[in-house]
Amino acid sequence: MTTTGGTGRHDWSTMSSSEPCDGGESELILHRWPSAWGLPSLSPECVAVETYMRLAGLKFTSEDCKTPYASPSGQLPALDQCDDVVGLPEGVAGGAGSSSSSRDHTGSLAAKRIADHLSKKVVNLDAHLVSHTDKALLIAFTALVDAKLATATAYYTWIDKPRFTAHTRKAYGQAFPAPLSYIIPWLWRSRALKRFAGESSDQSQSESRVRAGARDAYAALSSLLSDNGGTYFFGVKPTSLDAAAFAHLSYHALSPVGDALRLELKSFPNLVKYVEAMRTVTFPNEHGHGGTGGSAMHAIDSGSWLEQPSRKGRTGWWGRGRGDENDVEKKKPRETAKDARFRRRSTWSLGIAGAAVLGYLFAGELLTFVFSEDEAAGGDDSNVQQGEGGSPDSNQEHEDEPLDDDDTEEPPPEE
């Protein structure tokens, strides 16, 4: 297992790089949240995209980003092909340059755009479904996963306050310097709360409704898996439903925030076996061996892409526009993906260093202020002590005082 710079490649990621772009091949890089809790990634949306790519047999490299700002789009997941971001919405200058209100910290919108791009221009996992019944079932169950399982994931990750405080905030904020490690996750939680604004103010009722919805989804998926009797939901070949459902089922089964959902999931043994089989077959083991797609020898090289993504709307880490297609031609030779990753990591390091300096200056002023007050208080105490206990000077003054008449010695009587 190797680690690269500010981002690490964990047990779940690929261990080899893709073909270089200069030779006509397409380097494909998946930017994702790091692995955590025994999962390929901290984010179920990142797991869904990676699962799709592995089931499709694509050759790619995974790069772990500790924050969304280390991603070329400003969101996670992000797909980078030859330094071009895949899946940005039309008419938007880029995720990093868009307003903060348009960003989705969960990554659900970015994951859907990437999956749509993969299915239309790379490999369509659903191409083998020819009957109208199967196509209708695929649409229905995909909507069920989004409406029930994704909602349960979001609720127990961001809405449930005890689980958020104990697990989510630490996992998502650990890469930020204090106090941003507290502020940013809470801001993301406030966005998630707006989604549940129409729910009951009683948290117990909201949780029971979410939990019941997840249980219904488990039952429906379990029946579909049993009816088809194959490795996947639609038989022996995977579909996009397998990628989306596995991402949330594995999150519910392994993450600490899914403890309540695990009680429901255990009632469906075939789903539990399905999650374990997908983990062991689709993803490499702790030594980087096995799995499908990624760095596997049979993986489809990303040079098979029929159409290069447009460079229009490409932005830098902090949203600085890189110009349109005509500007690209005027530039010097295009930087490689390796150079781009190094530049983003350098910028992130400088940002952390700046935050540390500001924190030091603020703490220094605070300590100086407290120390000055302590000195002043110490001076007052010394004066009090001198007044009570008496200093050498005060004793000297006491000795120099003239004696009273009663204290003067009387002369001896004359004989």
Foldseek 3Di string as FASTA:
>chain_A
DAQDFPWGDALFWADDWADFPVVLFKAKEWEAAPDDLPGRHPALLSQLLLLVQQLQQAAHGYTHDLALLLDQQSAPTWMAIFNATAQDDPPALGNLQDDPVPDQRNCPNSSVSSLVCCCVWNNALCPPPDDPVVVVVVVVLVVLCVVALVVLVLCLCQVPVVSVVVPNLCSNLVVADPPSSVVVSVVNSVVSVVVCVVPDPPVVVVNVVNLVSLLVSLVVQLVQCVVQVALESNHPGYHSSRSSVLSRLVCLCRPPSNPVNNVSNVVRVVSVVSNVVCPPAATGGRVNDHHGHHPDPSGDRNSPGPDDDARRSRAGSNNHRPDHPVSVVVDDPDDGPVVNSVVSSVVVVVVNVVVVVVVVVVVVVVVVVVVVVVVVVVVVVVVVCCVPVNDPVRVVVVVPDDDDPVPDDDDDDDD
